[in-house]
Amino acid sequence: MDSYKTIASLSEGIYTEKRSKFLAFAIPVKTVEEVKQHVADYQKRFYDARHVCYAYMLGHERLNFRANDNGEPSGTAGKPILGQINSNELTDILIIVVRYFGGVKLGTSGLIVAYRIAAAEAIAAAEIVEKTVDESVTFFFEYPFMNDVMRIVKEESPTIVNQGYDNDCSMTLSIRKDSMPRLRARLEKVTSLRFSEED
């Protein structure tokens, strides 16, 4: 898998059930630190709410995830939110659902439905984008072979991340993961070219 789906920007959804109000926010995130920061911000912002529940999924392999019920009965809030992230095959996303209690208990099945629908509403309002998983390669070569390198760059269309011209020329290229083996194989044939030890 060298592509993944995420959301372009913050989106919101709302669901009301028996006077309980569920405000859902879908937020693009890249790291657990960002998740913690957003959760803390929303807990501050909605300090008067009964619960601030959330779930997130990180990384193109979709292996880093967590669901939090924030005081709701176990499995009734975070799990249904995470379920919506999964069924839409999204990652690099945090969904926070803020609940204002309306005085009538919803029961566990009612809660599961409410959190699921609220999360689904936020996703429905979002712009879903597909991104590629990219890899980069750094290499050095002698200036007379610049044309050979640039021909490969033109034909394979990687992104030039940076380039330098000291005694040796250096270049870092980034390309979609499944195209990297072909790019490397072609670069290997350029006279004088050597790859950085870090790659």
N, C-alpha and C. Protein backbone atom coordinates (compact mmCIF):
# COMPACT_ATOMS: atom_id res chain seq x y z
N MET A 1 0.85 -1.20 0.00
CA MET A 1 0.00 0.00 0.00
C MET A 1 0.88 1.24 0.00
N ASP A 2 0.82 2.03 -1.08
CA ASP A 2 1.64 3.24 -1.07
C ASP A 2 0.77 4.48 -1.19
N SER A 3 -0.50 4.36 -0.80
CA SER A 3 -1.34 5.55 -0.69
C SER A 3 -2.28 5.36 0.50
N TYR A 4 -2.81 6.47 1.00
CA TYR A 4 -3.71 6.39 2.15
C TYR A 4 -4.70 7.54 2.08
N LYS A 5 -5.80 7.42 2.82
CA LYS A 5 -6.82 8.47 2.82
C LYS A 5 -6.82 9.20 4.16
N THR A 6 -6.94 10.51 4.06
CA THR A 6 -7.05 11.32 5.27
C THR A 6 -7.99 12.48 4.97
N ILE A 7 -8.12 13.43 5.91
CA ILE A 7 -8.98 14.58 5.65
C ILE A 7 -8.12 15.83 5.43
N ALA A 8 -8.65 16.73 4.61
CA ALA A 8 -7.88 17.92 4.22
C ALA A 8 -7.82 18.96 5.33
N SER A 9 -8.91 19.10 6.09
CA SER A 9 -8.94 20.14 7.13
C SER A 9 -10.03 19.79 8.16
N LEU A 10 -10.10 20.61 9.19
CA LEU A 10 -11.08 20.40 10.27
C LEU A 10 -12.50 20.37 9.71
N SER A 11 -13.30 19.41 10.19
CA SER A 11 -14.72 19.41 9.83
C SER A 11 -15.54 19.09 11.08
N GLU A 12 -16.82 19.43 11.03
CA GLU A 12 -17.65 19.28 12.22
C GLU A 12 -18.97 18.59 11.90
N GLY A 13 -19.51 17.92 12.92
CA GLY A 13 -20.82 17.30 12.79
C GLY A 13 -21.57 17.46 14.10
N ILE A 14 -22.88 17.30 14.06
CA ILE A 14 -23.66 17.42 15.29
C ILE A 14 -24.79 16.40 15.26
N TYR A 15 -25.08 15.84 16.42
CA TYR A 15 -26.19 14.87 16.53
C TYR A 15 -26.88 15.11 17.87
N THR A 16 -28.20 15.12 17.83
CA THR A 16 -28.97 15.33 19.07
C THR A 16 -29.87 14.13 19.30
N GLU A 17 -29.87 13.64 20.55
CA GLU A 17 -30.71 12.48 20.90
C GLU A 17 -31.23 12.68 22.32
N LYS A 18 -32.56 12.71 22.48
CA LYS A 18 -33.17 12.90 23.81
C LYS A 18 -32.51 14.05 24.58
N ARG A 19 -32.39 15.15 23.91
CA ARG A 19 -31.85 16.40 24.47
C ARG A 19 -30.34 16.36 24.75
N SER A 20 -29.70 15.21 24.60
CA SER A 20 -28.23 15.18 24.68
C SER A 20 -27.68 15.65 23.34
N LYS A 21 -26.67 16.48 23.43
CA LYS A 21 -26.10 17.06 22.21
C LYS A 21 -24.70 16.49 22.03
N PHE A 22 -24.40 15.99 20.84
CA PHE A 22 -23.09 15.43 20.54
C PHE A 22 -22.43 16.27 19.44
N LEU A 23 -21.38 16.98 19.81
CA LEU A 23 -20.66 17.81 18.84
C LEU A 23 -19.40 17.06 18.41
N ALA A 24 -19.26 16.81 17.13
CA ALA A 24 -18.12 16.02 16.64
C ALA A 24 -17.17 16.89 15.82
N PHE A 25 -15.88 16.66 16.03
CA PHE A 25 -14.85 17.42 15.31
C PHE A 25 -13.84 16.43 14.73
N ALA A 26 -13.67 16.46 13.42
CA ALA A 26 -12.66 15.62 12.76
C ALA A 26 -11.47 16.52 12.44
N ILE A 27 -10.29 16.13 12.93
CA ILE A 27 -9.10 16.99 12.86
C ILE A 27 -7.95 16.21 12.23
N PRO A 28 -7.29 16.78 11.19
CA PRO A 28 -6.12 16.09 10.64
C PRO A 28 -4.93 16.20 11.61
N VAL A 29 -4.27 15.08 11.89
CA VAL A 29 -3.12 15.06 12.81
C VAL A 29 -2.04 14.13 12.26
N LYS A 30 -0.81 14.35 12.73
CA LYS A 30 0.31 13.51 12.28
C LYS A 30 0.97 12.75 13.43
N THR A 31 0.89 13.30 14.65
CA THR A 31 1.61 12.71 15.77
C THR A 31 0.73 12.59 17.02
N VAL A 32 1.15 11.74 17.95
CA VAL A 32 0.44 11.58 19.22
C VAL A 32 0.48 12.90 20.00
N GLU A 33 1.60 13.65 19.88
CA GLU A 33 1.72 14.95 20.56
C GLU A 33 0.62 15.89 20.10
N GLU A 34 0.38 15.91 18.77
CA GLU A 34 -0.70 16.77 18.23
C GLU A 34 -2.05 16.33 18.79
N VAL A 35 -2.27 15.02 18.84
CA VAL A 35 -3.52 14.48 19.38
C VAL A 35 -3.73 15.00 20.80
N LYS A 36 -2.69 14.84 21.64
CA LYS A 36 -2.79 15.27 23.05
C LYS A 36 -3.10 16.76 23.17
N GLN A 37 -2.44 17.54 22.32
CA GLN A 37 -2.64 18.99 22.33
C GLN A 37 -4.09 19.35 21.99
N HIS A 38 -4.61 18.74 20.91
CA HIS A 38 -6.00 19.01 20.50
C HIS A 38 -6.99 18.57 21.56
N VAL A 39 -6.78 17.38 22.14
CA VAL A 39 -7.70 16.88 23.17
C VAL A 39 -7.71 17.84 24.36
N ALA A 40 -6.52 18.28 24.77
CA ALA A 40 -6.43 19.24 25.90
C ALA A 40 -7.14 20.55 25.56
N ASP A 41 -6.96 21.02 24.32
CA ASP A 41 -7.61 22.28 23.90
C ASP A 41 -9.13 22.15 23.93
N TYR A 42 -9.64 21.03 23.43
CA TYR A 42 -11.10 20.84 23.39
C TYR A 42 -11.68 20.64 24.78
N GLN A 43 -10.91 19.97 25.67
CA GLN A 43 -11.38 19.80 27.05
C GLN A 43 -11.49 21.16 27.74
N LYS A 44 -10.54 22.06 27.41
CA LYS A 44 -10.58 23.42 27.98
C LYS A 44 -11.77 24.20 27.40
N ARG A 45 -11.89 24.10 26.07
CA ARG A 45 -12.92 24.87 25.36
C ARG A 45 -14.32 24.44 25.79
N PHE A 46 -14.51 23.13 25.98
CA PHE A 46 -15.83 22.62 26.35
C PHE A 46 -15.80 22.11 27.80
N TYR A 47 -15.25 22.95 28.68
CA TYR A 47 -15.06 22.56 30.08
C TYR A 47 -16.38 22.21 30.76
N ASP A 48 -17.50 22.75 30.24
CA ASP A 48 -18.80 22.53 30.87
C ASP A 48 -19.52 21.30 30.30
N ALA A 49 -18.89 20.58 29.39
CA ALA A 49 -19.52 19.39 28.80
C ALA A 49 -19.34 18.19 29.73
N ARG A 50 -20.26 17.23 29.63
CA ARG A 50 -20.19 16.05 30.48
C ARG A 50 -19.02 15.14 30.08
N HIS A 51 -18.83 14.95 28.77
CA HIS A 51 -17.77 14.06 28.29
C HIS A 51 -17.10 14.63 27.04
N VAL A 52 -15.79 14.43 26.93
CA VAL A 52 -15.04 14.76 25.70
C VAL A 52 -14.33 13.46 25.29
N CYS A 53 -14.98 12.70 24.41
CA CYS A 53 -14.47 11.39 24.01
C CYS A 53 -13.77 11.51 22.65
N TYR A 54 -12.87 10.56 22.38
CA TYR A 54 -12.16 10.68 21.10
C TYR A 54 -11.58 9.35 20.64
N ALA A 55 -11.18 9.32 19.39
CA ALA A 55 -10.41 8.20 18.83
C ALA A 55 -9.52 8.78 17.76
N TYR A 56 -8.36 8.13 17.56
CA TYR A 56 -7.47 8.58 16.48
C TYR A 56 -6.82 7.39 15.80
N MET A 57 -6.32 7.66 14.60
CA MET A 57 -5.58 6.67 13.81
C MET A 57 -4.43 7.42 13.15
N LEU A 58 -3.22 6.87 13.28
CA LEU A 58 -2.04 7.55 12.73
C LEU A 58 -1.22 6.62 11.83
N GLY A 59 -0.55 7.20 10.85
CA GLY A 59 0.39 6.45 10.01
C GLY A 59 -0.27 5.75 8.84
N HIS A 60 0.44 5.68 7.71
CA HIS A 60 -0.17 5.09 6.50
C HIS A 60 -0.45 3.61 6.66
N GLU A 61 0.23 2.95 7.62
CA GLU A 61 -0.03 1.52 7.83
C GLU A 61 -1.23 1.30 8.75
N ARG A 62 -1.73 2.38 9.35
CA ARG A 62 -2.92 2.37 10.19
C ARG A 62 -2.77 1.41 11.38
N LEU A 63 -1.58 1.44 12.01
CA LEU A 63 -1.33 0.54 13.14
C LEU A 63 -1.34 1.28 14.48
N ASN A 64 -1.27 2.62 14.43
CA ASN A 64 -1.20 3.42 15.65
C ASN A 64 -2.56 4.07 15.90
N PHE A 65 -3.34 3.50 16.83
CA PHE A 65 -4.68 4.06 17.07
C PHE A 65 -5.05 3.91 18.54
N ARG A 66 -6.06 4.67 18.94
CA ARG A 66 -6.51 4.61 20.33
C ARG A 66 -7.94 5.14 20.40
N ALA A 67 -8.70 4.60 21.34
CA ALA A 67 -10.07 5.09 21.57
C ALA A 67 -10.20 5.41 23.05
N ASN A 68 -10.88 6.51 23.38
CA ASN A 68 -11.00 6.93 24.78
C ASN A 68 -12.47 7.28 25.08
N ASP A 69 -13.01 6.63 26.13
CA ASP A 69 -14.43 6.84 26.47
C ASP A 69 -14.67 8.03 27.41
N ASN A 70 -13.60 8.55 28.01
CA ASN A 70 -13.70 9.71 28.89
C ASN A 70 -14.89 9.65 29.86
N GLY A 71 -14.99 8.52 30.57
CA GLY A 71 -16.03 8.43 31.60
C GLY A 71 -17.35 7.82 31.14
N GLU A 72 -17.56 7.68 29.85
CA GLU A 72 -18.76 6.98 29.38
C GLU A 72 -18.55 5.48 29.65
N PRO A 73 -19.64 4.68 29.70
CA PRO A 73 -19.45 3.23 29.90
C PRO A 73 -18.48 2.65 28.86
N SER A 74 -17.64 1.73 29.32
CA SER A 74 -16.58 1.19 28.46
C SER A 74 -17.09 0.71 27.10
N GLY A 75 -16.44 1.20 26.04
CA GLY A 75 -16.76 0.75 24.69
C GLY A 75 -17.94 1.45 24.03
N THR A 76 -18.55 2.44 24.73
CA THR A 76 -19.74 3.08 24.15
C THR A 76 -19.43 4.36 23.37
N ALA A 77 -18.21 4.89 23.51
CA ALA A 77 -17.91 6.17 22.87
C ALA A 77 -16.71 6.09 21.93
N GLY A 78 -15.52 5.83 22.51
CA GLY A 78 -14.30 5.80 21.69
C GLY A 78 -14.35 4.75 20.60
N LYS A 79 -14.87 3.55 20.95
CA LYS A 79 -14.91 2.45 19.97
C LYS A 79 -15.79 2.77 18.76
N PRO A 80 -17.02 3.24 18.97
CA PRO A 80 -17.84 3.59 17.80
C PRO A 80 -17.23 4.73 16.96
N ILE A 81 -16.51 5.65 17.61
CA ILE A 81 -15.84 6.73 16.86
C ILE A 81 -14.74 6.09 15.99
N LEU A 82 -13.93 5.22 16.62
CA LEU A 82 -12.86 4.54 15.90
C LEU A 82 -13.43 3.68 14.76
N GLY A 83 -14.59 3.09 15.02
CA GLY A 83 -15.26 2.28 13.99
C GLY A 83 -15.54 3.08 12.73
N GLN A 84 -15.93 4.35 12.91
CA GLN A 84 -16.21 5.21 11.75
C GLN A 84 -14.92 5.55 10.99
N ILE A 85 -13.83 5.78 11.74
CA ILE A 85 -12.53 6.04 11.10
C ILE A 85 -12.15 4.82 10.26
N ASN A 86 -12.34 3.62 10.84
CA ASN A 86 -12.00 2.38 10.15
C ASN A 86 -12.86 2.13 8.93
N SER A 87 -14.18 2.30 9.08
CA SER A 87 -15.05 1.97 7.94
C SER A 87 -14.84 2.94 6.78
N ASN A 88 -14.30 4.11 7.05
CA ASN A 88 -13.97 5.06 5.98
C ASN A 88 -12.50 4.94 5.53
N GLU A 89 -11.78 3.98 6.15
CA GLU A 89 -10.37 3.70 5.82
C GLU A 89 -9.50 4.96 5.91
N LEU A 90 -9.71 5.74 6.98
CA LEU A 90 -8.96 6.99 7.15
C LEU A 90 -7.79 6.80 8.10
N THR A 91 -6.80 7.68 7.98
CA THR A 91 -5.71 7.72 8.94
C THR A 91 -5.24 9.16 9.09
N ASP A 92 -4.27 9.38 10.00
CA ASP A 92 -3.83 10.74 10.33
C ASP A 92 -5.03 11.62 10.66
N ILE A 93 -5.89 11.05 11.51
CA ILE A 93 -7.14 11.74 11.86
C ILE A 93 -7.45 11.54 13.35
N LEU A 94 -7.98 12.59 13.95
CA LEU A 94 -8.47 12.55 15.33
C LEU A 94 -9.93 12.99 15.27
N ILE A 95 -10.81 12.21 15.88
CA ILE A 95 -12.21 12.66 15.99
C ILE A 95 -12.55 12.79 17.47
N ILE A 96 -12.96 14.00 17.82
CA ILE A 96 -13.37 14.30 19.20
C ILE A 96 -14.88 14.49 19.19
N VAL A 97 -15.56 13.82 20.12
CA VAL A 97 -17.01 14.04 20.25
C VAL A 97 -17.28 14.56 21.66
N VAL A 98 -17.86 15.74 21.71
CA VAL A 98 -18.18 16.41 22.97
C VAL A 98 -19.65 16.16 23.27
N ARG A 99 -19.95 15.65 24.47
CA ARG A 99 -21.35 15.38 24.81
C ARG A 99 -21.85 16.33 25.90
N TYR A 100 -22.97 16.98 25.58
CA TYR A 100 -23.71 17.74 26.58
C TYR A 100 -24.91 16.90 26.98
N PHE A 101 -24.97 16.50 28.25
CA PHE A 101 -26.03 15.61 28.73
C PHE A 101 -27.36 16.35 28.80
N GLY A 102 -28.39 15.70 28.27
CA GLY A 102 -29.69 16.37 28.22
C GLY A 102 -30.65 15.96 29.31
N GLY A 103 -30.17 15.16 30.29
CA GLY A 103 -31.04 14.80 31.40
C GLY A 103 -31.71 13.44 31.25
N VAL A 104 -31.68 12.87 30.06
CA VAL A 104 -32.29 11.55 29.84
C VAL A 104 -31.18 10.57 29.48
N LYS A 105 -31.10 9.45 30.22
CA LYS A 105 -30.06 8.47 29.92
C LYS A 105 -30.37 7.74 28.61
N LEU A 106 -29.34 7.47 27.84
CA LEU A 106 -29.54 6.85 26.53
C LEU A 106 -29.34 5.34 26.56
N GLY A 107 -28.71 4.83 27.62
CA GLY A 107 -28.40 3.40 27.67
C GLY A 107 -27.20 3.11 26.78
N THR A 108 -26.59 1.94 26.97
CA THR A 108 -25.35 1.67 26.23
C THR A 108 -25.57 1.64 24.72
N SER A 109 -26.65 0.98 24.28
CA SER A 109 -26.85 0.91 22.83
C SER A 109 -27.15 2.30 22.25
N GLY A 110 -27.88 3.11 23.00
CA GLY A 110 -28.17 4.49 22.55
C GLY A 110 -26.91 5.32 22.44
N LEU A 111 -26.02 5.14 23.41
CA LEU A 111 -24.74 5.88 23.39
C LEU A 111 -23.90 5.48 22.18
N ILE A 112 -23.80 4.16 21.95
CA ILE A 112 -22.99 3.67 20.82
C ILE A 112 -23.49 4.28 19.52
N VAL A 113 -24.81 4.27 19.33
CA VAL A 113 -25.41 4.82 18.10
C VAL A 113 -25.11 6.33 18.01
N ALA A 114 -25.29 7.04 19.12
CA ALA A 114 -25.10 8.49 19.11
C ALA A 114 -23.66 8.88 18.78
N TYR A 115 -22.70 8.21 19.41
CA TYR A 115 -21.29 8.53 19.12
C TYR A 115 -20.91 8.15 17.70
N ARG A 116 -21.48 7.03 17.23
CA ARG A 116 -21.18 6.60 15.87
C ARG A 116 -21.72 7.60 14.85
N ILE A 117 -22.97 8.02 15.04
CA ILE A 117 -23.59 8.95 14.09
C ILE A 117 -22.89 10.30 14.12
N ALA A 118 -22.56 10.78 15.33
CA ALA A 118 -21.87 12.08 15.44
C ALA A 118 -20.54 12.04 14.68
N ALA A 119 -19.76 10.95 14.88
CA ALA A 119 -18.47 10.81 14.17
C ALA A 119 -18.70 10.74 12.66
N ALA A 120 -19.73 9.99 12.25
CA ALA A 120 -20.04 9.85 10.82
C ALA A 120 -20.40 11.20 10.21
N GLU A 121 -21.11 12.04 10.97
CA GLU A 121 -21.50 13.38 10.47
C GLU A 121 -20.25 14.24 10.22
N ALA A 122 -19.29 14.17 11.16
CA ALA A 122 -18.06 14.97 10.99
C ALA A 122 -17.27 14.49 9.76
N ILE A 123 -17.23 13.16 9.56
CA ILE A 123 -16.51 12.62 8.39
C ILE A 123 -17.23 13.01 7.10
N ALA A 124 -18.57 12.94 7.14
CA ALA A 124 -19.36 13.29 5.95
C ALA A 124 -19.13 14.73 5.52
N ALA A 125 -18.85 15.60 6.51
CA ALA A 125 -18.63 17.02 6.22
C ALA A 125 -17.19 17.30 5.76
N ALA A 126 -16.32 16.29 5.89
CA ALA A 126 -14.89 16.51 5.60
C ALA A 126 -14.59 16.31 4.12
N GLU A 127 -13.51 16.96 3.68
CA GLU A 127 -12.99 16.69 2.34
C GLU A 127 -11.94 15.58 2.50
N ILE A 128 -12.23 14.41 1.94
CA ILE A 128 -11.30 13.28 2.05
C ILE A 128 -10.32 13.32 0.89
N VAL A 129 -9.04 13.23 1.22
CA VAL A 129 -8.00 13.30 0.19
C VAL A 129 -7.14 12.04 0.23
N GLU A 130 -6.64 11.67 -0.94
CA GLU A 130 -5.74 10.52 -0.99
C GLU A 130 -4.31 11.04 -1.11
N LYS A 131 -3.43 10.51 -0.28
CA LYS A 131 -2.02 10.92 -0.30
C LYS A 131 -1.15 9.71 -0.60
N THR A 132 0.01 9.97 -1.17
CA THR A 132 0.91 8.85 -1.46
C THR A 132 1.95 8.70 -0.36
N VAL A 133 2.39 7.47 -0.17
CA VAL A 133 3.49 7.21 0.75
C VAL A 133 4.77 7.38 -0.06
N ASP A 134 5.59 8.36 0.32
CA ASP A 134 6.79 8.66 -0.46
C ASP A 134 8.06 8.23 0.27
N GLU A 135 9.08 7.93 -0.51
CA GLU A 135 10.40 7.65 0.04
C GLU A 135 11.38 8.60 -0.61
N SER A 136 12.49 8.89 0.09
CA SER A 136 13.47 9.78 -0.52
C SER A 136 14.84 9.10 -0.57
N VAL A 137 15.65 9.59 -1.49
CA VAL A 137 17.00 9.05 -1.69
C VAL A 137 17.96 10.23 -1.92
N THR A 138 19.12 10.16 -1.29
CA THR A 138 20.15 11.20 -1.45
C THR A 138 21.37 10.57 -2.11
N PHE A 139 21.95 11.28 -3.07
CA PHE A 139 23.13 10.73 -3.77
C PHE A 139 24.06 11.86 -4.21
N PHE A 140 25.27 11.47 -4.57
CA PHE A 140 26.32 12.42 -5.01
C PHE A 140 26.84 11.97 -6.38
N PHE A 141 27.25 12.93 -7.18
CA PHE A 141 27.80 12.59 -8.50
C PHE A 141 28.67 13.74 -9.00
N GLU A 142 29.48 13.46 -10.01
CA GLU A 142 30.36 14.50 -10.57
C GLU A 142 29.60 15.33 -11.58
N TYR A 143 29.94 16.60 -11.63
CA TYR A 143 29.19 17.56 -12.46
C TYR A 143 29.00 17.15 -13.93
N PRO A 144 30.02 16.56 -14.59
CA PRO A 144 29.82 16.20 -16.01
C PRO A 144 28.64 15.25 -16.25
N PHE A 145 28.16 14.58 -15.18
CA PHE A 145 27.07 13.61 -15.37
C PHE A 145 25.70 14.18 -15.00
N MET A 146 25.67 15.51 -14.84
CA MET A 146 24.42 16.20 -14.50
C MET A 146 23.31 15.90 -15.52
N ASN A 147 23.64 15.90 -16.81
CA ASN A 147 22.62 15.66 -17.83
C ASN A 147 22.00 14.28 -17.70
N ASP A 148 22.86 13.28 -17.37
CA ASP A 148 22.34 11.92 -17.20
C ASP A 148 21.34 11.87 -16.04
N VAL A 149 21.71 12.53 -14.94
CA VAL A 149 20.82 12.55 -13.76
C VAL A 149 19.52 13.27 -14.09
N MET A 150 19.63 14.44 -14.76
CA MET A 150 18.44 15.24 -15.04
C MET A 150 17.50 14.54 -16.02
N ARG A 151 18.06 13.73 -16.91
CA ARG A 151 17.21 12.96 -17.84
C ARG A 151 16.34 11.98 -17.05
N ILE A 152 16.96 11.31 -16.07
CA ILE A 152 16.21 10.35 -15.22
C ILE A 152 15.14 11.09 -14.43
N VAL A 153 15.52 12.25 -13.88
CA VAL A 153 14.56 13.05 -13.09
C VAL A 153 13.37 13.45 -13.97
N LYS A 154 13.66 13.85 -15.21
CA LYS A 154 12.59 14.28 -16.12
C LYS A 154 11.66 13.10 -16.45
N GLU A 155 12.24 11.92 -16.67
CA GLU A 155 11.44 10.78 -17.10
C GLU A 155 10.69 10.10 -15.95
N GLU A 156 11.29 10.08 -14.76
CA GLU A 156 10.66 9.40 -13.61
C GLU A 156 9.79 10.33 -12.77
N SER A 157 9.98 11.64 -12.95
CA SER A 157 9.19 12.68 -12.25
C SER A 157 9.20 12.62 -10.73
N PRO A 158 10.35 12.39 -10.07
CA PRO A 158 10.37 12.52 -8.61
C PRO A 158 10.35 14.01 -8.24
N THR A 159 10.11 14.30 -6.96
CA THR A 159 10.23 15.68 -6.46
C THR A 159 11.69 15.90 -6.06
N ILE A 160 12.26 17.03 -6.50
CA ILE A 160 13.62 17.37 -6.07
C ILE A 160 13.49 18.08 -4.72
N VAL A 161 13.92 17.40 -3.65
CA VAL A 161 13.80 17.95 -2.29
C VAL A 161 14.88 19.01 -2.08
N ASN A 162 16.12 18.66 -2.44
CA ASN A 162 17.17 19.68 -2.46
C ASN A 162 18.34 19.22 -3.33
N GLN A 163 19.15 20.19 -3.72
CA GLN A 163 20.33 19.86 -4.53
C GLN A 163 21.45 20.83 -4.20
N GLY A 164 22.68 20.37 -4.33
CA GLY A 164 23.83 21.22 -4.02
C GLY A 164 24.94 21.00 -5.03
N TYR A 165 25.76 22.02 -5.20
CA TYR A 165 26.87 21.93 -6.15
C TYR A 165 28.15 22.35 -5.45
N ASP A 166 28.80 21.42 -4.74
CA ASP A 166 30.11 21.72 -4.18
C ASP A 166 31.13 21.07 -5.10
N ASN A 167 32.18 20.45 -4.53
CA ASN A 167 33.12 19.71 -5.37
C ASN A 167 32.36 18.62 -6.12
N ASP A 168 31.46 17.98 -5.38
CA ASP A 168 30.55 16.99 -5.96
C ASP A 168 29.16 17.62 -6.02
N CYS A 169 28.34 17.15 -6.93
CA CYS A 169 26.94 17.57 -6.91
C CYS A 169 26.19 16.62 -5.98
N SER A 170 25.20 17.13 -5.28
CA SER A 170 24.37 16.26 -4.45
C SER A 170 22.91 16.55 -4.74
N MET A 171 22.07 15.54 -4.53
CA MET A 171 20.64 15.72 -4.80
C MET A 171 19.84 14.78 -3.90
N THR A 172 18.71 15.27 -3.42
CA THR A 172 17.77 14.41 -2.71
C THR A 172 16.47 14.41 -3.49
N LEU A 173 16.00 13.21 -3.82
CA LEU A 173 14.76 13.07 -4.57
C LEU A 173 13.74 12.32 -3.72
N SER A 174 12.47 12.67 -3.90
CA SER A 174 11.39 11.99 -3.20
C SER A 174 10.41 11.48 -4.26
N ILE A 175 9.96 10.23 -4.09
CA ILE A 175 9.05 9.64 -5.07
C ILE A 175 8.13 8.65 -4.37
N ARG A 176 7.01 8.38 -4.99
CA ARG A 176 6.06 7.40 -4.46
C ARG A 176 6.77 6.06 -4.22
N LYS A 177 6.45 5.44 -3.10
CA LYS A 177 7.18 4.25 -2.64
C LYS A 177 7.36 3.17 -3.72
N ASP A 178 6.27 2.86 -4.45
CA ASP A 178 6.41 1.75 -5.41
C ASP A 178 7.25 2.11 -6.63
N SER A 179 7.56 3.39 -6.81
CA SER A 179 8.42 3.81 -7.95
C SER A 179 9.89 3.89 -7.56
N MET A 180 10.18 3.81 -6.24
CA MET A 180 11.57 3.98 -5.78
C MET A 180 12.54 2.93 -6.33
N PRO A 181 12.20 1.63 -6.35
CA PRO A 181 13.18 0.65 -6.86
C PRO A 181 13.63 0.96 -8.29
N ARG A 182 12.68 1.37 -9.14
CA ARG A 182 13.04 1.68 -10.54
C ARG A 182 13.93 2.92 -10.61
N LEU A 183 13.59 3.93 -9.80
CA LEU A 183 14.41 5.16 -9.78
C LEU A 183 15.83 4.84 -9.34
N ARG A 184 15.97 4.08 -8.26
CA ARG A 184 17.31 3.73 -7.76
C ARG A 184 18.10 2.93 -8.80
N ALA A 185 17.42 1.98 -9.44
CA ALA A 185 18.09 1.13 -10.43
C ALA A 185 18.63 1.98 -11.58
N ARG A 186 17.87 2.97 -11.98
CA ARG A 186 18.34 3.84 -13.08
C ARG A 186 19.49 4.73 -12.63
N LEU A 187 19.39 5.25 -11.40
CA LEU A 187 20.47 6.12 -10.89
C LEU A 187 21.78 5.34 -10.73
N GLU A 188 21.66 4.07 -10.33
CA GLU A 188 22.86 3.24 -10.13
C GLU A 188 23.72 3.14 -11.39
N LYS A 189 23.08 3.31 -12.54
CA LYS A 189 23.81 3.16 -13.81
C LYS A 189 24.58 4.42 -14.20
N VAL A 190 24.34 5.54 -13.48
CA VAL A 190 25.03 6.79 -13.82
C VAL A 190 26.47 6.72 -13.33
N THR A 191 27.41 6.97 -14.23
CA THR A 191 28.85 6.95 -13.87
C THR A 191 29.11 7.95 -12.73
N SER A 192 29.93 7.55 -11.78
CA SER A 192 30.38 8.36 -10.65
C SER A 192 29.34 8.52 -9.54
N LEU A 193 28.09 8.09 -9.78
CA LEU A 193 27.06 8.35 -8.78
C LEU A 193 27.17 7.37 -7.61
N ARG A 194 27.07 7.92 -6.39
CA ARG A 194 27.03 7.06 -5.22
C ARG A 194 25.94 7.55 -4.25
N PHE A 195 25.29 6.59 -3.62
CA PHE A 195 24.19 6.92 -2.71
C PHE A 195 24.73 7.31 -1.34
N SER A 196 23.98 8.17 -0.66
CA SER A 196 24.33 8.56 0.71
C SER A 196 24.26 7.32 1.60
N GLU A 197 25.15 7.27 2.60
CA GLU A 197 25.20 6.11 3.52
C GLU A 197 23.91 5.99 4.33
N GLU A 198 23.21 7.10 4.49
CA GLU A 198 22.00 7.08 5.36
C GLU A 198 20.83 6.37 4.72
N ASP A 199 20.83 6.25 3.39
CA ASP A 199 19.67 5.64 2.72
C ASP A 199 19.70 4.13 2.80
